PDB file of N, CA and C in Angstrom:
ATOM      1  N   MET A   1      63.348  22.117  15.468  1.00  0.00           N
ATOM      2  CA  MET A   1      63.532  22.144  14.042  1.00  0.00           C
ATOM      3  C   MET A   1      62.737  21.046  13.360  1.00  0.00           C
ATOM      4  N   LYS A   2      62.775  19.820  13.926  1.00  0.00           N
ATOM      5  CA  LYS A   2      62.068  18.713  13.323  1.00  0.00           C
ATOM      6  C   LYS A   2      60.555  18.919  13.362  1.00  0.00           C
ATOM      7  N   THR A   3      60.014  19.410  14.459  1.00  0.00           N
ATOM      8  CA  THR A   3      58.569  19.622  14.560  1.00  0.00           C
ATOM      9  C   THR A   3      58.107  20.693  13.587  1.00  0.00           C
ATOM     10  N   ASN A   4      58.888  21.718  13.366  1.00  0.00           N
ATOM     11  CA  ASN A   4      58.540  22.768  12.416  1.00  0.00           C
ATOM     12  C   ASN A   4      58.483  22.197  10.994  1.00  0.00           C
ATOM     13  N   PHE A   5      59.411  21.322  10.648  1.00  0.00           N
ATOM     14  CA  PHE A   5      59.439  20.691   9.331  1.00  0.00           C
ATOM     15  C   PHE A   5      58.199  19.813   9.121  1.00  0.00           C
ATOM     16  N   PHE A   6      57.827  19.025  10.129  1.00  0.00           N
ATOM     17  CA  PHE A   6      56.662  18.150  10.020  1.00  0.00           C
ATOM     18  C   PHE A   6      55.365  18.948   9.945  1.00  0.00           C
ATOM     19  N   ARG A   7      55.277  20.064  10.646  1.00  0.00           N
ATOM     20  CA  ARG A   7      54.073  20.900  10.592  1.00  0.00           C
ATOM     21  C   ARG A   7      53.871  21.469   9.196  1.00  0.00           C
ATOM     22  N   ARG A   8      54.941  21.862   8.532  1.00  0.00           N
ATOM     23  CA  ARG A   8      54.835  22.397   7.171  1.00  0.00           C
ATOM     24  C   ARG A   8      54.455  21.305   6.170  1.00  0.00           C
ATOM     25  N   LEU A   9      54.843  20.103   6.461  1.00  0.00           N
ATOM     26  CA  LEU A   9      54.605  18.987   5.543  1.00  0.00           C
ATOM     27  C   LEU A   9      53.211  18.371   5.704  1.00  0.00           C
ATOM     28  N   MET A  10      52.600  18.480   6.864  1.00  0.00           N
ATOM     29  CA  MET A  10      51.340  17.806   7.154  1.00  0.00           C
ATOM     30  C   MET A  10      50.170  18.277   6.275  1.00  0.00           C
ATOM     31  N   MET A  11      49.986  19.562   6.109  1.00  0.00           N
ATOM     32  CA  MET A  11      48.838  20.066   5.359  1.00  0.00           C
ATOM     33  C   MET A  11      48.898  19.668   3.881  1.00  0.00           C
ATOM     34  N   PRO A  12      49.986  19.884   3.169  1.00  0.00           N
ATOM     35  CA  PRO A  12      50.025  19.440   1.773  1.00  0.00           C
ATOM     36  C   PRO A  12      49.860  17.922   1.622  1.00  0.00           C
ATOM     37  N   LEU A  13      50.413  17.169   2.549  1.00  0.00           N
ATOM     38  CA  LEU A  13      50.277  15.721   2.514  1.00  0.00           C
ATOM     39  C   LEU A  13      48.816  15.301   2.709  1.00  0.00           C
ATOM     40  N   ALA A  14      48.122  15.944   3.636  1.00  0.00           N
ATOM     41  CA  ALA A  14      46.714  15.634   3.879  1.00  0.00           C
ATOM     42  C   ALA A  14      45.865  15.981   2.661  1.00  0.00           C
ATOM     43  N   VAL A  15      46.138  17.093   2.008  1.00  0.00           N
ATOM     44  CA  VAL A  15      45.397  17.485   0.809  1.00  0.00           C
ATOM     45  C   VAL A  15      45.625  16.479  -0.320  1.00  0.00           C
ATOM     46  N   MET A  16      46.853  16.004  -0.477  1.00  0.00           N
ATOM     47  CA  MET A  16      47.145  15.004  -1.511  1.00  0.00           C
ATOM     48  C   MET A  16      46.406  13.698  -1.252  1.00  0.00           C
ATOM     49  N   VAL A  17      46.407  13.247  -0.018  1.00  0.00           N
ATOM     50  CA  VAL A  17      45.731  11.990   0.329  1.00  0.00           C
ATOM     51  C   VAL A  17      44.233  12.107   0.077  1.00  0.00           C
ATOM     52  N   LEU A  18      43.615  13.209   0.474  1.00  0.00           N
ATOM     53  CA  LEU A  18      42.183  13.397   0.238  1.00  0.00           C
ATOM     54  C   LEU A  18      41.867  13.485  -1.254  1.00  0.00           C
ATOM     55  N   GLY A  19      42.723  14.122  -2.021  1.00  0.00           N
ATOM     56  CA  GLY A  19      42.517  14.218  -3.463  1.00  0.00           C
ATOM     57  C   GLY A  19      42.585  12.871  -4.150  1.00  0.00           C
ATOM     58  N   ILE A  20      43.553  12.076  -3.777  1.00  0.00           N
ATOM     59  CA  ILE A  20      43.685  10.741  -4.361  1.00  0.00           C
ATOM     60  C   ILE A  20      42.501   9.863  -3.964  1.00  0.00           C
ATOM     61  N   ALA A  21      42.099   9.901  -2.716  1.00  0.00           N
ATOM     62  CA  ALA A  21      40.952   9.111  -2.262  1.00  0.00           C
ATOM     63  C   ALA A  21      39.681   9.537  -2.989  1.00  0.00           C
ATOM     64  N   GLY A  22      39.481  10.828  -3.174  1.00  0.00           N
ATOM     65  CA  GLY A  22      38.308  11.322  -3.897  1.00  0.00           C
ATOM     66  C   GLY A  22      38.291  10.870  -5.345  1.00  0.00           C
ATOM     67  N   ALA A  23      39.448  10.830  -5.971  1.00  0.00           N
ATOM     68  CA  ALA A  23      39.523  10.370  -7.361  1.00  0.00           C
ATOM     69  C   ALA A  23      39.128   8.900  -7.472  1.00  0.00           C
ATOM     70  N   PHE A  24      39.595   8.067  -6.560  1.00  0.00           N
ATOM     71  CA  PHE A  24      39.236   6.655  -6.599  1.00  0.00           C
ATOM     72  C   PHE A  24      37.744   6.452  -6.340  1.00  0.00           C
ATOM     73  N   VAL A  25      37.173   7.173  -5.389  1.00  0.00           N
ATOM     74  CA  VAL A  25      35.746   7.035  -5.086  1.00  0.00           C
ATOM     75  C   VAL A  25      34.902   7.474  -6.276  1.00  0.00           C
ATOM     76  N   THR A  26      35.246   8.578  -6.904  1.00  0.00           N
ATOM     77  CA  THR A  26      34.501   9.073  -8.052  1.00  0.00           C
ATOM     78  C   THR A  26      34.562   8.091  -9.213  1.00  0.00           C
ATOM     79  N   THR A  27      35.707   7.533  -9.483  1.00  0.00           N
ATOM     80  CA  THR A  27      35.852   6.554 -10.561  1.00  0.00           C
ATOM     81  C   THR A  27      35.046   5.300 -10.252  1.00  0.00           C
ATOM     82  N   ALA A  28      35.072   4.833  -9.040  1.00  0.00           N
ATOM     83  CA  ALA A  28      34.335   3.627  -8.668  1.00  0.00           C
ATOM     84  C   ALA A  28      32.835   3.847  -8.793  1.00  0.00           C
ATOM     85  N   MET A  29      32.336   5.016  -8.416  1.00  0.00           N
ATOM     86  CA  MET A  29      30.902   5.285  -8.498  1.00  0.00           C
ATOM     87  C   MET A  29      30.432   5.323  -9.943  1.00  0.00           C
ATOM     88  N   SER A  30      31.172   5.948 -10.823  1.00  0.00           N
ATOM     89  CA  SER A  30      30.726   6.054 -12.209  1.00  0.00           C
ATOM     90  C   SER A  30      30.775   4.709 -12.911  1.00  0.00           C
ATOM     91  N   SER A  31      31.757   3.877 -12.648  1.00  0.00           N
ATOM     92  CA  SER A  31      31.832   2.580 -13.310  1.00  0.00           C
ATOM     93  C   SER A  31      30.755   1.637 -12.798  1.00  0.00           C
ATOM     94  N   THR A  32      30.362   1.729 -11.540  1.00  0.00           N
ATOM     95  CA  THR A  32      29.318   0.877 -10.993  1.00  0.00           C
ATOM     96  C   THR A  32      27.980   1.193 -11.637  1.00  0.00           C
ATOM     97  N   LYS A  33      27.668   2.446 -11.841  1.00  0.00           N
ATOM     98  CA  LYS A  33      26.398   2.811 -12.453  1.00  0.00           C
ATOM     99  C   LYS A  33      26.276   2.282 -13.873  1.00  0.00           C
ATOM    100  N   THR A  34      27.326   2.383 -14.655  1.00  0.00           N
ATOM    101  CA  THR A  34      27.224   1.939 -16.038  1.00  0.00           C
ATOM    102  C   THR A  34      27.143   0.426 -16.136  1.00  0.00           C
ATOM    103  N   LEU A  35      27.768  -0.287 -15.237  1.00  0.00           N
ATOM    104  CA  LEU A  35      27.726  -1.734 -15.285  1.00  0.00           C
ATOM    105  C   LEU A  35      26.485  -2.302 -14.623  1.00  0.00           C
ATOM    106  N   ALA A  36      25.767  -1.515 -13.853  1.00  0.00           N
ATOM    107  CA  ALA A  36      24.654  -2.021 -13.070  1.00  0.00           C
ATOM    108  C   ALA A  36      23.380  -2.203 -13.884  1.00  0.00           C
ATOM    109  N   ASN A  37      23.129  -1.416 -14.920  1.00  0.00           N
ATOM    110  CA  ASN A  37      21.881  -1.508 -15.667  1.00  0.00           C
ATOM    111  C   ASN A  37      21.988  -2.571 -16.748  1.00  0.00           C
ATOM    112  N   VAL A  38      21.087  -3.557 -16.680  1.00  0.00           N
ATOM    113  CA  VAL A  38      21.069  -4.659 -17.640  1.00  0.00           C
ATOM    114  C   VAL A  38      19.634  -4.904 -18.096  1.00  0.00           C
ATOM    115  N   GLN A  39      19.509  -5.581 -19.217  1.00  0.00           N
ATOM    116  CA  GLN A  39      18.188  -5.909 -19.748  1.00  0.00           C
ATOM    117  C   GLN A  39      17.558  -7.007 -18.903  1.00  0.00           C
ATOM    118  N   GLY A  40      16.287  -6.818 -18.543  1.00  0.00           N
ATOM    119  CA  GLY A  40      15.527  -7.832 -17.820  1.00  0.00           C
ATOM    120  C   GLY A  40      14.640  -8.601 -18.785  1.00  0.00           C
ATOM    121  N   TYR A  41      14.552  -9.913 -18.599  1.00  0.00           N
ATOM    122  CA  TYR A  41      13.762 -10.779 -19.472  1.00  0.00           C
ATOM    123  C   TYR A  41      12.698 -11.493 -18.657  1.00  0.00           C
ATOM    124  N   ARG A  42      11.567 -11.772 -19.297  1.00  0.00           N
ATOM    125  CA  ARG A  42      10.521 -12.542 -18.623  1.00  0.00           C
ATOM    126  C   ARG A  42      10.214 -13.790 -19.432  1.00  0.00           C
ATOM    127  N   PHE A  43       9.751 -14.826 -18.748  1.00  0.00           N
ATOM    128  CA  PHE A  43       9.386 -16.082 -19.385  1.00  0.00           C
ATOM    129  C   PHE A  43       7.978 -15.943 -19.943  1.00  0.00           C
ATOM    130  N   VAL A  44       7.803 -16.214 -21.243  1.00  0.00           N
ATOM    131  CA  VAL A  44       6.489 -16.157 -21.885  1.00  0.00           C
ATOM    132  C   VAL A  44       5.993 -17.573 -22.160  1.00  0.00           C
ATOM    133  N   SER A  45       6.801 -18.371 -22.849  1.00  0.00           N
ATOM    134  CA  SER A  45       6.453 -19.761 -23.163  1.00  0.00           C
ATOM    135  C   SER A  45       7.745 -20.507 -23.484  1.00  0.00           C
ATOM    136  N   GLN A  46       7.624 -21.811 -23.738  1.00  0.00           N
ATOM    137  CA  GLN A  46       8.805 -22.586 -24.111  1.00  0.00           C
ATOM    138  C   GLN A  46       9.393 -22.084 -25.428  1.00  0.00           C
ATOM    139  N   ALA A  47       8.546 -21.586 -26.319  1.00  0.00           N
ATOM    140  CA  ALA A  47       9.027 -21.052 -27.592  1.00  0.00           C
ATOM    141  C   ALA A  47       9.734 -19.706 -27.410  1.00  0.00           C
ATOM    142  N   ASP A  48       9.348 -18.933 -26.390  1.00  0.00           N
ATOM    143  CA  ASP A  48       9.931 -17.612 -26.111  1.00  0.00           C
ATOM    144  C   ASP A  48      10.306 -17.529 -24.630  1.00  0.00           C
ATOM    145  N   PRO A  49      11.357 -18.274 -24.217  1.00  0.00           N
ATOM    146  CA  PRO A  49      11.681 -18.320 -22.779  1.00  0.00           C
ATOM    147  C   PRO A  49      12.318 -17.042 -22.230  1.00  0.00           C
ATOM    148  N   CYS A  50      12.913 -16.223 -23.081  1.00  0.00           N
ATOM    149  CA  CYS A  50      13.568 -14.993 -22.627  1.00  0.00           C
ATOM    150  C   CYS A  50      13.091 -13.821 -23.479  1.00  0.00           C
ATOM    151  N   HIS A  51      11.980 -13.228 -23.082  1.00  0.00           N
ATOM    152  CA  HIS A  51      11.417 -12.094 -23.815  1.00  0.00           C
ATOM    153  C   HIS A  51      11.869 -10.794 -23.146  1.00  0.00           C
ATOM    154  N   ALA A  52      12.573  -9.931 -23.899  1.00  0.00           N
ATOM    155  CA  ALA A  52      13.079  -8.664 -23.345  1.00  0.00           C
ATOM    156  C   ALA A  52      11.914  -7.815 -22.857  1.00  0.00           C
ATOM    157  N   ASP A  53      12.041  -7.268 -21.645  1.00  0.00           N
ATOM    158  CA  ASP A  53      10.931  -6.515 -21.074  1.00  0.00           C
ATOM    159  C   ASP A  53      11.345  -5.129 -20.594  1.00  0.00           C
ATOM    160  N   ALA A  54      12.171  -5.035 -19.555  1.00  0.00           N
ATOM    161  CA  ALA A  54      12.513  -3.740 -18.956  1.00  0.00           C
ATOM    162  C   ALA A  54      13.949  -3.757 -18.455  1.00  0.00           C
ATOM    163  N   MET A  55      14.482  -2.572 -18.199  1.00  0.00           N
ATOM    164  CA  MET A  55      15.835  -2.456 -17.650  1.00  0.00           C
ATOM    165  C   MET A  55      15.787  -2.689 -16.141  1.00  0.00           C
ATOM    166  N   CYS A  56      16.784  -3.436 -15.654  1.00  0.00           N
ATOM    167  CA  CYS A  56      16.909  -3.743 -14.233  1.00  0.00           C
ATOM    168  C   CYS A  56      18.357  -3.494 -13.820  1.00  0.00           C
ATOM    169  N   SER A  57      18.665  -3.834 -12.586  1.00  0.00           N
ATOM    170  CA  SER A  57      20.009  -3.658 -12.051  1.00  0.00           C
ATOM    171  C   SER A  57      20.536  -4.995 -11.568  1.00  0.00           C
ATOM    172  N   ASN A  58      21.844  -5.220 -11.698  1.00  0.00           N
ATOM    173  CA  ASN A  58      22.434  -6.433 -11.142  1.00  0.00           C
ATOM    174  C   ASN A  58      23.124  -6.163  -9.806  1.00  0.00           C
ATOM    175  N   VAL A  59      22.941  -4.965  -9.259  1.00  0.00           N
ATOM    176  CA  VAL A  59      23.475  -4.613  -7.944  1.00  0.00           C
ATOM    177  C   VAL A  59      22.435  -4.989  -6.889  1.00  0.00           C
ATOM    178  N   PHE A  60      22.834  -5.821  -5.930  1.00  0.00           N
ATOM    179  CA  PHE A  60      21.916  -6.344  -4.913  1.00  0.00           C
ATOM    180  C   PHE A  60      21.234  -5.219  -4.139  1.00  0.00           C
ATOM    181  N   ASN A  61      19.907  -5.329  -3.998  1.00  0.00           N
ATOM    182  CA  ASN A  61      19.129  -4.508  -3.074  1.00  0.00           C
ATOM    183  C   ASN A  61      17.892  -5.308  -2.697  1.00  0.00           C
ATOM    184  N   ALA A  62      17.021  -4.765  -1.874  1.00  0.00           N
ATOM    185  CA  ALA A  62      15.886  -5.517  -1.338  1.00  0.00           C
ATOM    186  C   ALA A  62      14.737  -5.678  -2.332  1.00  0.00           C
ATOM    187  N   ASN A  63      14.725  -4.943  -3.430  1.00  0.00           N
ATOM    188  CA  ASN A  63      13.603  -4.962  -4.360  1.00  0.00           C
ATOM    189  C   ASN A  63      13.925  -5.765  -5.615  1.00  0.00           C
ATOM    190  N   ILE A  64      13.223  -6.888  -5.797  1.00  0.00           N
ATOM    191  CA  ILE A  64      13.382  -7.726  -6.990  1.00  0.00           C
ATOM    192  C   ILE A  64      12.742  -6.998  -8.171  1.00  0.00           C
ATOM    193  N   CYS A  65      13.367  -7.087  -9.339  1.00  0.00           N
ATOM    194  CA  CYS A  65      12.855  -6.431 -10.549  1.00  0.00           C
ATOM    195  C   CYS A  65      11.666  -7.226 -11.097  1.00  0.00           C
ATOM    196  N   THR A  66      10.531  -6.548 -11.250  1.00  0.00           N
ATOM    197  CA  THR A  66       9.328  -7.185 -11.775  1.00  0.00           C
ATOM    198  C   THR A  66       8.698  -6.297 -12.838  1.00  0.00           C
ATOM    199  N   SER A  67       7.831  -6.914 -13.643  1.00  0.00           N
ATOM    200  CA  SER A  67       7.034  -6.191 -14.630  1.00  0.00           C
ATOM    201  C   SER A  67       5.673  -6.867 -14.701  1.00  0.00           C
ATOM    202  N   SER A  68       4.631  -6.140 -14.401  1.00  0.00           N
ATOM    203  CA  SER A  68       3.260  -6.673 -14.381  1.00  0.00           C
ATOM    204  C   SER A  68       3.149  -7.898 -13.477  1.00  0.00           C
ATOM    205  N   GLY A  69       3.823  -7.867 -12.350  1.00  0.00           N
ATOM    206  CA  GLY A  69       3.751  -8.954 -11.379  1.00  0.00           C
ATOM    207  C   GLY A  69       4.635 -10.143 -11.683  1.00  0.00           C
ATOM    208  N   THR A  70       5.379 -10.118 -12.783  1.00  0.00           N
ATOM    209  CA  THR A  70       6.262 -11.210 -13.159  1.00  0.00           C
ATOM    210  C   THR A  70       7.707 -10.836 -12.862  1.00  0.00           C
ATOM    211  N   GLN A  71       8.426 -11.738 -12.206  1.00  0.00           N
ATOM    212  CA  GLN A  71       9.829 -11.480 -11.902  1.00  0.00           C
ATOM    213  C   GLN A  71      10.652 -11.536 -13.181  1.00  0.00           C
ATOM    214  N   LEU A  72      11.524 -10.539 -13.350  1.00  0.00           N
ATOM    215  CA  LEU A  72      12.408 -10.502 -14.507  1.00  0.00           C
ATOM    216  C   LEU A  72      13.758 -11.111 -14.151  1.00  0.00           C
ATOM    217  N   LYS A  73      14.362 -11.773 -15.101  1.00  0.00           N
ATOM    218  CA  LYS A  73      15.662 -12.412 -14.911  1.00  0.00           C
ATOM    219  C   LYS A  73      16.651 -11.867 -15.930  1.00  0.00           C
ATOM    220  N   GLY A  74      17.924 -12.100 -15.691  1.00  0.00           N
ATOM    221  CA  GLY A  74      18.967 -11.638 -16.597  1.00  0.00           C
ATOM    222  C   GLY A  74      19.728 -12.798 -17.200  1.00  0.00           C
ATOM    223  N   LYS A  75      20.550 -12.488 -18.208  1.00  0.00           N
ATOM    224  CA  LYS A  75      21.379 -13.481 -18.887  1.00  0.00           C
ATOM    225  C   LYS A  75      22.850 -13.205 -18.593  1.00  0.00           C
ATOM    226  N   VAL A  76      23.645 -14.266 -18.518  1.00  0.00           N
ATOM    227  CA  VAL A  76      25.085 -14.132 -18.358  1.00  0.00           C
ATOM    228  C   VAL A  76      25.708 -13.772 -19.703  1.00  0.00           C
ATOM    229  N   SER A  77      25.206 -14.381 -20.770  1.00  0.00           N
ATOM    230  CA  SER A  77      25.672 -14.081 -22.123  1.00  0.00           C
ATOM    231  C   SER A  77      24.473 -14.159 -23.071  1.00  0.00           C
ATOM    232  N   GLN A  78      24.675 -13.804 -24.323  1.00  0.00           N
ATOM    233  CA  GLN A  78      23.584 -13.723 -25.293  1.00  0.00           C
ATOM    234  C   GLN A  78      22.839 -15.044 -25.459  1.00  0.00           C
ATOM    235  N   ASN A  79      23.537 -16.167 -25.501  1.00  0.00           N
ATOM    236  CA  ASN A  79      22.910 -17.469 -25.738  1.00  0.00           C
ATOM    237  C   ASN A  79      22.592 -18.234 -24.457  1.00  0.00           C
ATOM    238  N   ALA A  80      22.803 -17.636 -23.309  1.00  0.00           N
ATOM    239  CA  ALA A  80      22.573 -18.298 -22.025  1.00  0.00           C
ATOM    240  C   ALA A  80      21.099 -18.240 -21.645  1.00  0.00           C
ATOM    241  N   PRO A  81      20.670 -19.142 -20.764  1.00  0.00           N
ATOM    242  CA  PRO A  81      19.285 -19.069 -20.276  1.00  0.00           C
ATOM    243  C   PRO A  81      19.106 -17.873 -19.342  1.00  0.00           C
ATOM    244  N   CYS A  82      17.874 -17.470 -19.145  1.00  0.00           N
ATOM    245  CA  CYS A  82      17.558 -16.341 -18.254  1.00  0.00           C
ATOM    246  C   CYS A  82      17.413 -16.869 -16.837  1.00  0.00           C
ATOM    247  N   ASP A  83      18.489 -16.833 -16.070  1.00  0.00           N
ATOM    248  CA  ASP A  83      18.435 -17.382 -14.722  1.00  0.00           C
ATOM    249  C   ASP A  83      19.150 -16.530 -13.669  1.00  0.00           C
ATOM    250  N   VAL A  84      19.497 -15.301 -14.016  1.00  0.00           N
ATOM    251  CA  VAL A  84      20.198 -14.409 -13.081  1.00  0.00           C
ATOM    252  C   VAL A  84      19.186 -13.493 -12.403  1.00  0.00           C
ATOM    253  N   THR A  85      19.167 -13.469 -11.079  1.00  0.00           N
ATOM    254  CA  THR A  85      18.257 -12.601 -10.340  1.00  0.00           C
ATOM    255  C   THR A  85      18.644 -11.141 -10.550  1.00  0.00           C
ATOM    256  N   LEU A  86      17.645 -10.316 -10.857  1.00  0.00           N
ATOM    257  CA  LEU A  86      17.869  -8.883 -11.054  1.00  0.00           C
ATOM    258  C   LEU A  86      17.069  -8.085 -10.047  1.00  0.00           C
ATOM    259  N   TYR A  87      17.449  -6.825  -9.854  1.00  0.00           N
ATOM    260  CA  TYR A  87      16.847  -5.963  -8.851  1.00  0.00           C
ATOM    261  C   TYR A  87      16.398  -4.654  -9.491  1.00  0.00           C
ATOM    262  N   LYS A  88      15.477  -3.962  -8.812  1.00  0.00           N
ATOM    263  CA  LYS A  88      15.019  -2.667  -9.327  1.00  0.00           C
ATOM    264  C   LYS A  88      16.161  -1.665  -9.310  1.00  0.00           C
ATOM    265  N   ILE A  89      16.161  -0.775 -10.288  1.00  0.00           N
ATOM    266  CA  ILE A  89      17.186   0.252 -10.380  1.00  0.00           C
ATOM    267  C   ILE A  89      16.942   1.286  -9.294  1.00  0.00           C
ATOM    268  N   GLN A  90      17.970   1.543  -8.502  1.00  0.00           N
ATOM    269  CA  GLN A  90      17.894   2.542  -7.427  1.00  0.00           C
ATOM    270  C   GLN A  90      18.399   3.878  -7.955  1.00  0.00           C
ATOM    271  N   ASN A  91      17.670   4.933  -7.691  1.00  0.00           N
ATOM    272  CA  ASN A  91      18.089   6.275  -8.145  1.00  0.00           C
ATOM    273  C   ASN A  91      18.975   6.930  -7.134  1.00  0.00           C
TER     274      ASN A  91
END
Protein backbone atom coordinates (compact mmCIF):
# COMPACT_ATOMS: atom_id res chain seq x y z
CA MET A 1 0.00 0.00 0.00
CA LYS A 2 2.76 2.44 0.92
CA THR A 3 4.78 1.81 -2.26
CA ASN A 4 1.70 2.35 -4.42
CA PHE A 5 1.06 5.71 -2.71
CA PHE A 6 4.67 6.86 -3.24
CA ARG A 7 4.64 5.81 -6.91
CA ARG A 8 1.56 7.97 -7.55
CA LEU A 9 3.16 10.90 -5.76
CA MET A 10 6.60 10.78 -7.43
CA MET A 11 5.70 11.98 -10.94
CA PRO A 12 3.70 15.09 -9.94
CA LEU A 13 6.36 15.97 -7.38
CA ALA A 14 9.13 15.67 -9.98
CA VAL A 15 7.20 17.87 -12.43
CA MET A 16 6.71 20.54 -9.73
CA VAL A 17 10.40 20.56 -8.80
CA LEU A 18 11.48 20.88 -12.45
CA GLY A 19 8.97 23.68 -13.02
CA ILE A 20 10.15 25.67 -10.04
CA ALA A 21 13.81 25.19 -10.97
CA GLY A 22 13.10 26.30 -14.55
CA ALA A 23 11.36 29.44 -13.32
CA PHE A 24 14.34 30.43 -11.17
CA VAL A 25 16.84 29.78 -13.99
CA THR A 26 14.79 31.80 -16.49
CA THR A 27 14.46 34.74 -14.10
CA ALA A 28 18.17 34.70 -13.30
CA MET A 29 19.15 34.67 -16.99
CA SER A 30 16.96 37.62 -17.93
CA SER A 31 18.08 39.79 -15.01
CA THR A 32 21.77 39.10 -15.71
CA LYS A 33 21.49 40.25 -19.32
CA THR A 34 19.86 43.55 -18.45
CA LEU A 35 22.35 44.34 -15.71
CA ALA A 36 25.38 43.27 -17.73
CA ASN A 37 25.40 45.98 -20.44
CA VAL A 38 26.99 49.24 -19.30
CA GLN A 39 28.47 52.30 -20.96
CA GLY A 40 32.21 52.07 -21.67
CA TYR A 41 34.37 55.19 -21.36
CA ARG A 42 37.82 55.98 -22.72
CA PHE A 43 40.44 58.43 -21.48
CA VAL A 44 40.96 61.33 -23.91
CA SER A 45 42.74 63.99 -21.82
CA GLN A 46 42.79 65.46 -18.32
CA ALA A 47 39.97 67.79 -19.41
CA ASP A 48 37.90 64.82 -20.70
CA PRO A 49 38.95 61.79 -18.60
CA CYS A 50 35.74 59.79 -19.18
CA HIS A 51 34.51 60.10 -22.76
CA ALA A 52 31.51 57.83 -23.55
CA ASP A 53 32.43 55.45 -26.36
CA ALA A 54 30.71 52.04 -26.66
CA MET A 55 28.57 49.56 -24.75
CA CYS A 56 30.44 46.87 -22.81
CA SER A 57 29.64 44.19 -20.25
CA ASN A 58 30.50 44.00 -16.56
CA VAL A 59 30.23 40.18 -16.59
CA PHE A 60 33.73 38.65 -16.46
CA ASN A 61 35.02 36.93 -19.61
CA ALA A 62 38.40 36.62 -21.35
CA ASN A 63 37.90 39.57 -23.75
CA ILE A 64 38.59 43.10 -22.44
CA CYS A 65 36.33 45.77 -23.97
CA THR A 66 38.28 48.01 -26.36
CA SER A 67 37.58 50.63 -29.02
CA SER A 68 40.20 51.52 -31.64
CA GLY A 69 42.86 49.75 -29.58
CA THR A 70 42.04 51.67 -26.38
CA GLN A 71 40.75 49.83 -23.32
CA LEU A 72 37.36 51.07 -22.15
CA LYS A 73 36.54 51.46 -18.46
CA GLY A 74 33.31 51.80 -16.52
CA LYS A 75 32.02 54.01 -13.70
CA VAL A 76 30.56 52.94 -10.36
CA SER A 77 28.38 56.06 -10.27
CA GLN A 78 27.83 59.17 -12.40
CA ASN A 79 30.47 61.32 -10.64
CA ALA A 80 33.00 58.52 -10.06
CA PRO A 81 36.25 58.11 -11.99
CA CYS A 82 36.42 55.59 -14.85
CA ASP A 83 38.30 52.75 -13.20
CA VAL A 84 36.11 49.63 -13.53
CA THR A 85 37.36 46.93 -15.92
CA LEU A 86 34.80 46.06 -18.59
CA TYR A 87 34.52 43.14 -21.00
CA LYS A 88 33.18 42.58 -24.51
CA ILE A 89 29.50 41.74 -24.72
CA GLN A 90 29.00 38.02 -25.33
CA ASN A 91 26.09 37.00 -27.56
